[in-house]
Amino acid sequence: SVLIARNNLAAHFDCAPSQINYVLT
């Protein structure tokens, strides 16, 4: 497993956190 900070990941890709949620789901 891996633990990732959603906001940091969104900032890294310069996208909205909802985009991260979309990829996850």
mmCIF file of all heavy atoms, coordinates in Angstrom:
data_MODEL
# 
_entry.id   MODEL 
# 
loop_
_atom_site.group_PDB 
_atom_site.id 
_atom_site.type_symbol 
_atom_site.label_atom_id 
_atom_site.label_alt_id 
_atom_site.label_comp_id 
_atom_site.label_asym_id 
_atom_site.label_entity_id 
_atom_site.label_seq_id 
_atom_site.pdbx_PDB_ins_code 
_atom_site.Cartn_x 
_atom_site.Cartn_y 
_atom_site.Cartn_z 
_atom_site.occupancy 
_atom_site.B_iso_or_equiv 
_atom_site.pdbx_formal_charge 
_atom_site.auth_seq_id 
_atom_site.auth_comp_id 
_atom_site.auth_asym_id 
_atom_site.auth_atom_id 
_atom_site.pdbx_PDB_model_num 
ATOM 1   N N   . SER A 1 1  ? 0.837   -1.198 0.000   1.00 0.00 ? 1  SER A N   1 
ATOM 2   C CA  . SER A 1 1  ? 0.000   0.000  0.000   1.00 0.00 ? 1  SER A CA  1 
ATOM 3   C C   . SER A 1 1  ? 0.871   1.246  0.000   1.00 0.00 ? 1  SER A C   1 
ATOM 4   O O   . SER A 1 1  ? 2.070   1.188  0.273   1.00 0.00 ? 1  SER A O   1 
ATOM 5   C CB  . SER A 1 1  ? -0.935  0.009  1.218   1.00 0.00 ? 1  SER A CB  1 
ATOM 6   O OG  . SER A 1 1  ? -0.196  0.136  2.405   1.00 0.00 ? 1  SER A OG  1 
ATOM 7   N N   . VAL A 1 2  ? 0.225   2.360  -0.322  1.00 0.00 ? 2  VAL A N   1 
ATOM 8   C CA  . VAL A 1 2  ? 0.912   3.651  -0.322  1.00 0.00 ? 2  VAL A CA  1 
ATOM 9   C C   . VAL A 1 2  ? -0.080  4.700  0.176   1.00 0.00 ? 2  VAL A C   1 
ATOM 10  O O   . VAL A 1 2  ? -1.282  4.607  -0.066  1.00 0.00 ? 2  VAL A O   1 
ATOM 11  C CB  . VAL A 1 2  ? 1.452   4.001  -1.731  1.00 0.00 ? 2  VAL A CB  1 
ATOM 12  C CG1 . VAL A 1 2  ? 0.335   4.202  -2.730  1.00 0.00 ? 2  VAL A CG1 1 
ATOM 13  C CG2 . VAL A 1 2  ? 2.354   5.214  -1.692  1.00 0.00 ? 2  VAL A CG2 1 
ATOM 14  N N   . LEU A 1 3  ? 0.451   5.693  0.905   1.00 0.00 ? 3  LEU A N   1 
ATOM 15  C CA  . LEU A 1 3  ? -0.359  6.786  1.441   1.00 0.00 ? 3  LEU A CA  1 
ATOM 16  C C   . LEU A 1 3  ? 0.075   8.070  0.732   1.00 0.00 ? 3  LEU A C   1 
ATOM 17  O O   . LEU A 1 3  ? 1.262   8.412  0.744   1.00 0.00 ? 3  LEU A O   1 
ATOM 18  C CB  . LEU A 1 3  ? -0.144  6.895  2.954   1.00 0.00 ? 3  LEU A CB  1 
ATOM 19  C CG  . LEU A 1 3  ? -1.089  7.781  3.730   1.00 0.00 ? 3  LEU A CG  1 
ATOM 20  C CD1 . LEU A 1 3  ? -2.520  7.262  3.652   1.00 0.00 ? 3  LEU A CD1 1 
ATOM 21  C CD2 . LEU A 1 3  ? -0.655  7.831  5.194   1.00 0.00 ? 3  LEU A CD2 1 
ATOM 22  N N   . ILE A 1 4  ? -0.886  8.755  0.128   1.00 0.00 ? 4  ILE A N   1 
ATOM 23  C CA  . ILE A 1 4  ? -0.591  9.948  -0.657  1.00 0.00 ? 4  ILE A CA  1 
ATOM 24  C C   . ILE A 1 4  ? -1.474  11.096 -0.172  1.00 0.00 ? 4  ILE A C   1 
ATOM 25  O O   . ILE A 1 4  ? -2.662  10.902 0.070   1.00 0.00 ? 4  ILE A O   1 
ATOM 26  C CB  . ILE A 1 4  ? -0.913  9.706  -2.156  1.00 0.00 ? 4  ILE A CB  1 
ATOM 27  C CG1 . ILE A 1 4  ? -0.165  8.497  -2.710  1.00 0.00 ? 4  ILE A CG1 1 
ATOM 28  C CG2 . ILE A 1 4  ? -0.690  10.938 -3.000  1.00 0.00 ? 4  ILE A CG2 1 
ATOM 29  C CD1 . ILE A 1 4  ? 1.212   8.775  -3.225  1.00 0.00 ? 4  ILE A CD1 1 
ATOM 30  N N   . ALA A 1 5  ? -0.900  12.300 -0.078  1.00 0.00 ? 5  ALA A N   1 
ATOM 31  C CA  . ALA A 1 5  ? -1.679  13.499 0.263   1.00 0.00 ? 5  ALA A CA  1 
ATOM 32  C C   . ALA A 1 5  ? -2.374  13.993 -1.005  1.00 0.00 ? 5  ALA A C   1 
ATOM 33  O O   . ALA A 1 5  ? -1.720  14.365 -1.973  1.00 0.00 ? 5  ALA A O   1 
ATOM 34  C CB  . ALA A 1 5  ? -0.781  14.579 0.834   1.00 0.00 ? 5  ALA A CB  1 
ATOM 35  N N   . ARG A 1 6  ? -3.699  14.000 -0.993  1.00 0.00 ? 6  ARG A N   1 
ATOM 36  C CA  . ARG A 1 6  ? -4.494  14.355 -2.181  1.00 0.00 ? 6  ARG A CA  1 
ATOM 37  C C   . ARG A 1 6  ? -4.153  15.767 -2.671  1.00 0.00 ? 6  ARG A C   1 
ATOM 38  O O   . ARG A 1 6  ? -3.945  15.974 -3.867  1.00 0.00 ? 6  ARG A O   1 
ATOM 39  C CB  . ARG A 1 6  ? -5.977  14.251 -1.861  1.00 0.00 ? 6  ARG A CB  1 
ATOM 40  C CG  . ARG A 1 6  ? -6.882  14.560 -3.030  1.00 0.00 ? 6  ARG A CG  1 
ATOM 41  C CD  . ARG A 1 6  ? -8.359  14.640 -2.675  1.00 0.00 ? 6  ARG A CD  1 
ATOM 42  N NE  . ARG A 1 6  ? -8.708  13.977 -1.455  1.00 0.00 ? 6  ARG A NE  1 
ATOM 43  C CZ  . ARG A 1 6  ? -9.323  12.792 -1.371  1.00 0.00 ? 6  ARG A CZ  1 
ATOM 44  N NH1 . ARG A 1 6  ? -9.658  12.161 -2.457  1.00 0.00 ? 6  ARG A NH1 1 
ATOM 45  N NH2 . ARG A 1 6  ? -9.610  12.264 -0.205  1.00 0.00 ? 6  ARG A NH2 1 
ATOM 46  N N   . ASN A 1 7  ? -4.106  16.742 -1.754  1.00 0.00 ? 7  ASN A N   1 
ATOM 47  C CA  . ASN A 1 7  ? -3.827  18.122 -2.174  1.00 0.00 ? 7  ASN A CA  1 
ATOM 48  C C   . ASN A 1 7  ? -2.427  18.275 -2.750  1.00 0.00 ? 7  ASN A C   1 
ATOM 49  O O   . ASN A 1 7  ? -2.228  19.019 -3.710  1.00 0.00 ? 7  ASN A O   1 
ATOM 50  C CB  . ASN A 1 7  ? -4.033  19.096 -1.014  1.00 0.00 ? 7  ASN A CB  1 
ATOM 51  C CG  . ASN A 1 7  ? -5.504  19.259 -0.675  1.00 0.00 ? 7  ASN A CG  1 
ATOM 52  O OD1 . ASN A 1 7  ? -6.381  18.893 -1.448  1.00 0.00 ? 7  ASN A OD1 1 
ATOM 53  N ND2 . ASN A 1 7  ? -5.775  19.813 0.504   1.00 0.00 ? 7  ASN A ND2 1 
ATOM 54  N N   . ASN A 1 8  ? -1.452  17.592 -2.181  1.00 0.00 ? 8  ASN A N   1 
ATOM 55  C CA  . ASN A 1 8  ? -0.090  17.646 -2.720  1.00 0.00 ? 8  ASN A CA  1 
ATOM 56  C C   . ASN A 1 8  ? -0.043  17.049 -4.124  1.00 0.00 ? 8  ASN A C   1 
ATOM 57  O O   . ASN A 1 8  ? 0.642   17.566 -5.004  1.00 0.00 ? 8  ASN A O   1 
ATOM 58  C CB  . ASN A 1 8  ? 0.886   16.908 -1.807  1.00 0.00 ? 8  ASN A CB  1 
ATOM 59  C CG  . ASN A 1 8  ? 1.106   17.616 -0.495  1.00 0.00 ? 8  ASN A CG  1 
ATOM 60  O OD1 . ASN A 1 8  ? 0.684   18.754 -0.308  1.00 0.00 ? 8  ASN A OD1 1 
ATOM 61  N ND2 . ASN A 1 8  ? 1.750   16.932 0.438   1.00 0.00 ? 8  ASN A ND2 1 
ATOM 62  N N   . LEU A 1 9  ? -0.768  15.957 -4.305  1.00 0.00 ? 9  LEU A N   1 
ATOM 63  C CA  . LEU A 1 9  ? -0.805  15.306 -5.613  1.00 0.00 ? 9  LEU A CA  1 
ATOM 64  C C   . LEU A 1 9  ? -1.485  16.215 -6.638  1.00 0.00 ? 9  LEU A C   1 
ATOM 65  O O   . LEU A 1 9  ? -1.003  16.368 -7.766  1.00 0.00 ? 9  LEU A O   1 
ATOM 66  C CB  . LEU A 1 9  ? -1.535  13.966 -5.508  1.00 0.00 ? 9  LEU A CB  1 
ATOM 67  C CG  . LEU A 1 9  ? -1.480  13.044 -6.706  1.00 0.00 ? 9  LEU A CG  1 
ATOM 68  C CD1 . LEU A 1 9  ? -0.038  12.695 -7.073  1.00 0.00 ? 9  LEU A CD1 1 
ATOM 69  C CD2 . LEU A 1 9  ? -2.247  11.759 -6.407  1.00 0.00 ? 9  LEU A CD2 1 
ATOM 70  N N   . ALA A 1 10 ? -2.578  16.858 -6.239  1.00 0.00 ? 10 ALA A N   1 
ATOM 71  C CA  . ALA A 1 10 ? -3.276  17.788 -7.134  1.00 0.00 ? 10 ALA A CA  1 
ATOM 72  C C   . ALA A 1 10 ? -2.371  18.967 -7.493  1.00 0.00 ? 10 ALA A C   1 
ATOM 73  O O   . ALA A 1 10 ? -2.326  19.393 -8.652  1.00 0.00 ? 10 ALA A O   1 
ATOM 74  C CB  . ALA A 1 10 ? -4.563  18.273 -6.477  1.00 0.00 ? 10 ALA A CB  1 
ATOM 75  N N   . ALA A 1 11 ? -1.626  19.473 -6.507  1.00 0.00 ? 11 ALA A N   1 
ATOM 76  C CA  . ALA A 1 11 ? -0.698  20.580 -6.765  1.00 0.00 ? 11 ALA A CA  1 
ATOM 77  C C   . ALA A 1 11 ? 0.415   20.133 -7.713  1.00 0.00 ? 11 ALA A C   1 
ATOM 78  O O   . ALA A 1 11 ? 0.807   20.876 -8.625  1.00 0.00 ? 11 ALA A O   1 
ATOM 79  C CB  . ALA A 1 11 ? -0.112  21.094 -5.455  1.00 0.00 ? 11 ALA A CB  1 
ATOM 80  N N   . HIS A 1 12 ? 0.916   18.924 -7.522  1.00 0.00 ? 12 HIS A N   1 
ATOM 81  C CA  . HIS A 1 12 ? 1.979   18.386 -8.375  1.00 0.00 ? 12 HIS A CA  1 
ATOM 82  C C   . HIS A 1 12 ? 1.535   18.335 -9.840  1.00 0.00 ? 12 HIS A C   1 
ATOM 83  O O   . HIS A 1 12 ? 2.315   18.645 -10.740 1.00 0.00 ? 12 HIS A O   1 
ATOM 84  C CB  . HIS A 1 12 ? 2.383   16.989 -7.890  1.00 0.00 ? 12 HIS A CB  1 
ATOM 85  C CG  . HIS A 1 12 ? 3.398   16.311 -8.749  1.00 0.00 ? 12 HIS A CG  1 
ATOM 86  N ND1 . HIS A 1 12 ? 4.737   16.620 -8.698  1.00 0.00 ? 12 HIS A ND1 1 
ATOM 87  C CD2 . HIS A 1 12 ? 3.262   15.356 -9.696  1.00 0.00 ? 12 HIS A CD2 1 
ATOM 88  C CE1 . HIS A 1 12 ? 5.392   15.880 -9.567  1.00 0.00 ? 12 HIS A CE1 1 
ATOM 89  N NE2 . HIS A 1 12 ? 4.515   15.093 -10.194 1.00 0.00 ? 12 HIS A NE2 1 
ATOM 90  N N   . PHE A 1 13 ? 0.279   17.953 -10.066 1.00 0.00 ? 13 PHE A N   1 
ATOM 91  C CA  . PHE A 1 13 ? -0.239  17.833 -11.432 1.00 0.00 ? 13 PHE A CA  1 
ATOM 92  C C   . PHE A 1 13 ? -1.011  19.079 -11.882 1.00 0.00 ? 13 PHE A C   1 
ATOM 93  O O   . PHE A 1 13 ? -1.553  19.101 -12.985 1.00 0.00 ? 13 PHE A O   1 
ATOM 94  C CB  . PHE A 1 13 ? -1.127  16.593 -11.567 1.00 0.00 ? 13 PHE A CB  1 
ATOM 95  C CG  . PHE A 1 13 ? -0.335  15.324 -11.605 1.00 0.00 ? 13 PHE A CG  1 
ATOM 96  C CD1 . PHE A 1 13 ? -0.204  14.542 -10.471 1.00 0.00 ? 13 PHE A CD1 1 
ATOM 97  C CD2 . PHE A 1 13 ? 0.309   14.928 -12.770 1.00 0.00 ? 13 PHE A CD2 1 
ATOM 98  C CE1 . PHE A 1 13 ? 0.547   13.374 -10.497 1.00 0.00 ? 13 PHE A CE1 1 
ATOM 99  C CE2 . PHE A 1 13 ? 1.063   13.770 -12.812 1.00 0.00 ? 13 PHE A CE2 1 
ATOM 100 C CZ  . PHE A 1 13 ? 1.182   12.990 -11.675 1.00 0.00 ? 13 PHE A CZ  1 
ATOM 101 N N   . ASP A 1 14 ? -1.039  20.101 -11.006 1.00 0.00 ? 14 ASP A N   1 
ATOM 102 C CA  . ASP A 1 14 ? -1.741  21.350 -11.300 1.00 0.00 ? 14 ASP A CA  1 
ATOM 103 C C   . ASP A 1 14 ? -3.168  21.064 -11.776 1.00 0.00 ? 14 ASP A C   1 
ATOM 104 O O   . ASP A 1 14 ? -3.600  21.483 -12.857 1.00 0.00 ? 14 ASP A O   1 
ATOM 105 C CB  . ASP A 1 14 ? -0.974  22.162 -12.351 1.00 0.00 ? 14 ASP A CB  1 
ATOM 106 C CG  . ASP A 1 14 ? -1.496  23.593 -12.460 1.00 0.00 ? 14 ASP A CG  1 
ATOM 107 O OD1 . ASP A 1 14 ? -2.046  24.094 -11.458 1.00 0.00 ? 14 ASP A OD1 1 
ATOM 108 O OD2 . ASP A 1 14 ? -1.369  24.186 -13.546 1.00 0.00 ? 14 ASP A OD2 1 
ATOM 109 N N   . CYS A 1 15 ? -3.888  20.300 -10.939 1.00 0.00 ? 15 CYS A N   1 
ATOM 110 C CA  . CYS A 1 15 ? -5.271  19.954 -11.262 1.00 0.00 ? 15 CYS A CA  1 
ATOM 111 C C   . CYS A 1 15 ? -6.116  20.033 -9.990  1.00 0.00 ? 15 CYS A C   1 
ATOM 112 O O   . CYS A 1 15 ? -5.583  20.188 -8.897  1.00 0.00 ? 15 CYS A O   1 
ATOM 113 C CB  . CYS A 1 15 ? -5.356  18.553 -11.862 1.00 0.00 ? 15 CYS A CB  1 
ATOM 114 S SG  . CYS A 1 15 ? -4.956  17.212 -10.720 1.00 0.00 ? 15 CYS A SG  1 
ATOM 115 N N   . ALA A 1 16 ? -7.406  19.928 -10.161 1.00 0.00 ? 16 ALA A N   1 
ATOM 116 C CA  . ALA A 1 16 ? -8.313  19.951 -9.014  1.00 0.00 ? 16 ALA A CA  1 
ATOM 117 C C   . ALA A 1 16 ? -8.263  18.610 -8.287  1.00 0.00 ? 16 ALA A C   1 
ATOM 118 O O   . ALA A 1 16 ? -8.044  17.559 -8.925  1.00 0.00 ? 16 ALA A O   1 
ATOM 119 C CB  . ALA A 1 16 ? -9.735  20.216 -9.484  1.00 0.00 ? 16 ALA A CB  1 
ATOM 120 N N   . PRO A 1 17 ? -8.451  18.605 -6.960  1.00 0.00 ? 17 PRO A N   1 
ATOM 121 C CA  . PRO A 1 17 ? -8.489  17.337 -6.228  1.00 0.00 ? 17 PRO A CA  1 
ATOM 122 C C   . PRO A 1 17 ? -9.555  16.377 -6.767  1.00 0.00 ? 17 PRO A C   1 
ATOM 123 O O   . PRO A 1 17 ? -9.383  15.162 -6.705  1.00 0.00 ? 17 PRO A O   1 
ATOM 124 C CB  . PRO A 1 17 ? -8.807  17.764 -4.796  1.00 0.00 ? 17 PRO A CB  1 
ATOM 125 C CG  . PRO A 1 17 ? -8.256  19.146 -4.694  1.00 0.00 ? 17 PRO A CG  1 
ATOM 126 C CD  . PRO A 1 17 ? -8.498  19.752 -6.047  1.00 0.00 ? 17 PRO A CD  1 
ATOM 127 N N   . SER A 1 18 ? -10.614 16.921 -7.349  1.00 0.00 ? 18 SER A N   1 
ATOM 128 C CA  . SER A 1 18 ? -11.648 16.044 -7.918  1.00 0.00 ? 18 SER A CA  1 
ATOM 129 C C   . SER A 1 18 ? -11.096 15.215 -9.079  1.00 0.00 ? 18 SER A C   1 
ATOM 130 O O   . SER A 1 18 ? -11.569 14.105 -9.337  1.00 0.00 ? 18 SER A O   1 
ATOM 131 C CB  . SER A 1 18 ? -12.855 16.861 -8.379  1.00 0.00 ? 18 SER A CB  1 
ATOM 132 O OG  . SER A 1 18 ? -12.482 17.773 -9.388  1.00 0.00 ? 18 SER A OG  1 
ATOM 133 N N   . GLN A 1 19 ? -10.088 15.728 -9.770  1.00 0.00 ? 19 GLN A N   1 
ATOM 134 C CA  . GLN A 1 19 ? -9.446  14.960 -10.853 1.00 0.00 ? 19 GLN A CA  1 
ATOM 135 C C   . GLN A 1 19 ? -8.718  13.750 -10.273 1.00 0.00 ? 19 GLN A C   1 
ATOM 136 O O   . GLN A 1 19 ? -8.743  12.674 -10.851 1.00 0.00 ? 19 GLN A O   1 
ATOM 137 C CB  . GLN A 1 19 ? -8.467  15.846 -11.624 1.00 0.00 ? 19 GLN A CB  1 
ATOM 138 C CG  . GLN A 1 19 ? -7.907  15.182 -12.860 1.00 0.00 ? 19 GLN A CG  1 
ATOM 139 C CD  . GLN A 1 19 ? -8.927  15.083 -13.975 1.00 0.00 ? 19 GLN A CD  1 
ATOM 140 O OE1 . GLN A 1 19 ? -9.722  15.992 -14.178 1.00 0.00 ? 19 GLN A OE1 1 
ATOM 141 N NE2 . GLN A 1 19 ? -8.915  13.987 -14.690 1.00 0.00 ? 19 GLN A NE2 1 
ATOM 142 N N   . ILE A 1 20 ? -8.104  13.919 -9.118  1.00 0.00 ? 20 ILE A N   1 
ATOM 143 C CA  . ILE A 1 20 ? -7.451  12.804 -8.432  1.00 0.00 ? 20 ILE A CA  1 
ATOM 144 C C   . ILE A 1 20 ? -8.515  11.772 -8.046  1.00 0.00 ? 20 ILE A C   1 
ATOM 145 O O   . ILE A 1 20 ? -8.332  10.570 -8.251  1.00 0.00 ? 20 ILE A O   1 
ATOM 146 C CB  . ILE A 1 20 ? -6.694  13.299 -7.175  1.00 0.00 ? 20 ILE A CB  1 
ATOM 147 C CG1 . ILE A 1 20 ? -5.679  14.399 -7.521  1.00 0.00 ? 20 ILE A CG1 1 
ATOM 148 C CG2 . ILE A 1 20 ? -6.048  12.127 -6.443  1.00 0.00 ? 20 ILE A CG2 1 
ATOM 149 C CD1 . ILE A 1 20 ? -4.607  14.029 -8.499  1.00 0.00 ? 20 ILE A CD1 1 
ATOM 150 N N   . ASN A 1 21 ? -9.630  12.254 -7.495  1.00 0.00 ? 21 ASN A N   1 
ATOM 151 C CA  . ASN A 1 21 ? -10.725 11.343 -7.128  1.00 0.00 ? 21 ASN A CA  1 
ATOM 152 C C   . ASN A 1 21 ? -11.218 10.555 -8.331  1.00 0.00 ? 21 ASN A C   1 
ATOM 153 O O   . ASN A 1 21 ? -11.502 9.365  -8.224  1.00 0.00 ? 21 ASN A O   1 
ATOM 154 C CB  . ASN A 1 21 ? -11.887 12.111 -6.506  1.00 0.00 ? 21 ASN A CB  1 
ATOM 155 C CG  . ASN A 1 21 ? -11.546 12.634 -5.142  1.00 0.00 ? 21 ASN A CG  1 
ATOM 156 O OD1 . ASN A 1 21 ? -10.602 12.190 -4.507  1.00 0.00 ? 21 ASN A OD1 1 
ATOM 157 N ND2 . ASN A 1 21 ? -12.312 13.606 -4.695  1.00 0.00 ? 21 ASN A ND2 1 
ATOM 158 N N   . TYR A 1 22 ? -11.328 11.215 -9.471  1.00 0.00 ? 22 TYR A N   1 
ATOM 159 C CA  . TYR A 1 22 ? -11.793 10.548 -10.683 1.00 0.00 ? 22 TYR A CA  1 
ATOM 160 C C   . TYR A 1 22 ? -10.858 9.395  -11.063 1.00 0.00 ? 22 TYR A C   1 
ATOM 161 O O   . TYR A 1 22 ? -11.308 8.293  -11.359 1.00 0.00 ? 22 TYR A O   1 
ATOM 162 C CB  . TYR A 1 22 ? -11.901 11.544 -11.845 1.00 0.00 ? 22 TYR A CB  1 
ATOM 163 C CG  . TYR A 1 22 ? -12.245 10.879 -13.142 1.00 0.00 ? 22 TYR A CG  1 
ATOM 164 C CD1 . TYR A 1 22 ? -13.561 10.496 -13.429 1.00 0.00 ? 22 TYR A CD1 1 
ATOM 165 C CD2 . TYR A 1 22 ? -11.262 10.593 -14.079 1.00 0.00 ? 22 TYR A CD2 1 
ATOM 166 C CE1 . TYR A 1 22 ? -13.878 9.854  -14.607 1.00 0.00 ? 22 TYR A CE1 1 
ATOM 167 C CE2 . TYR A 1 22 ? -11.567 9.950  -15.258 1.00 0.00 ? 22 TYR A CE2 1 
ATOM 168 C CZ  . TYR A 1 22 ? -12.875 9.580  -15.523 1.00 0.00 ? 22 TYR A CZ  1 
ATOM 169 O OH  . TYR A 1 22 ? -13.175 8.931  -16.692 1.00 0.00 ? 22 TYR A OH  1 
ATOM 170 N N   . VAL A 1 23 ? -9.569  9.650  -11.026 1.00 0.00 ? 23 VAL A N   1 
ATOM 171 C CA  . VAL A 1 23 ? -8.597  8.600  -11.365 1.00 0.00 ? 23 VAL A CA  1 
ATOM 172 C C   . VAL A 1 23 ? -8.707  7.439  -10.379 1.00 0.00 ? 23 VAL A C   1 
ATOM 173 O O   . VAL A 1 23 ? -8.706  6.275  -10.769 1.00 0.00 ? 23 VAL A O   1 
ATOM 174 C CB  . VAL A 1 23 ? -7.155  9.160  -11.408 1.00 0.00 ? 23 VAL A CB  1 
ATOM 175 C CG1 . VAL A 1 23 ? -6.129  8.048  -11.547 1.00 0.00 ? 23 VAL A CG1 1 
ATOM 176 C CG2 . VAL A 1 23 ? -7.018  10.165 -12.539 1.00 0.00 ? 23 VAL A CG2 1 
ATOM 177 N N   . LEU A 1 24 ? -8.849  7.761  -9.106  1.00 0.00 ? 24 LEU A N   1 
ATOM 178 C CA  . LEU A 1 24 ? -8.957  6.714  -8.086  1.00 0.00 ? 24 LEU A CA  1 
ATOM 179 C C   . LEU A 1 24 ? -10.207 5.869  -8.289  1.00 0.00 ? 24 LEU A C   1 
ATOM 180 O O   . LEU A 1 24 ? -10.156 4.647  -8.164  1.00 0.00 ? 24 LEU A O   1 
ATOM 181 C CB  . LEU A 1 24 ? -8.968  7.327  -6.691  1.00 0.00 ? 24 LEU A CB  1 
ATOM 182 C CG  . LEU A 1 24 ? -7.655  7.957  -6.245  1.00 0.00 ? 24 LEU A CG  1 
ATOM 183 C CD1 . LEU A 1 24 ? -7.854  8.726  -4.954  1.00 0.00 ? 24 LEU A CD1 1 
ATOM 184 C CD2 . LEU A 1 24 ? -6.565  6.916  -6.106  1.00 0.00 ? 24 LEU A CD2 1 
ATOM 185 N N   . THR A 1 25 ? -11.330 6.488  -8.591  1.00 0.00 ? 25 THR A N   1 
ATOM 186 C CA  . THR A 1 25 ? -12.587 5.740  -8.692  1.00 0.00 ? 25 THR A CA  1 
ATOM 187 C C   . THR A 1 25 ? -12.721 4.988  -10.011 1.00 0.00 ? 25 THR A C   1 
ATOM 188 O O   . THR A 1 25 ? -13.496 4.045  -10.094 1.00 0.00 ? 25 THR A O   1 
ATOM 189 C CB  . THR A 1 25 ? -13.821 6.652  -8.509  1.00 0.00 ? 25 THR A CB  1 
ATOM 190 O OG1 . THR A 1 25 ? -13.787 7.688  -9.487  1.00 0.00 ? 25 THR A OG1 1 
ATOM 191 C CG2 . THR A 1 25 ? -13.854 7.236  -7.113  1.00 0.00 ? 25 THR A CG2 1 
# 
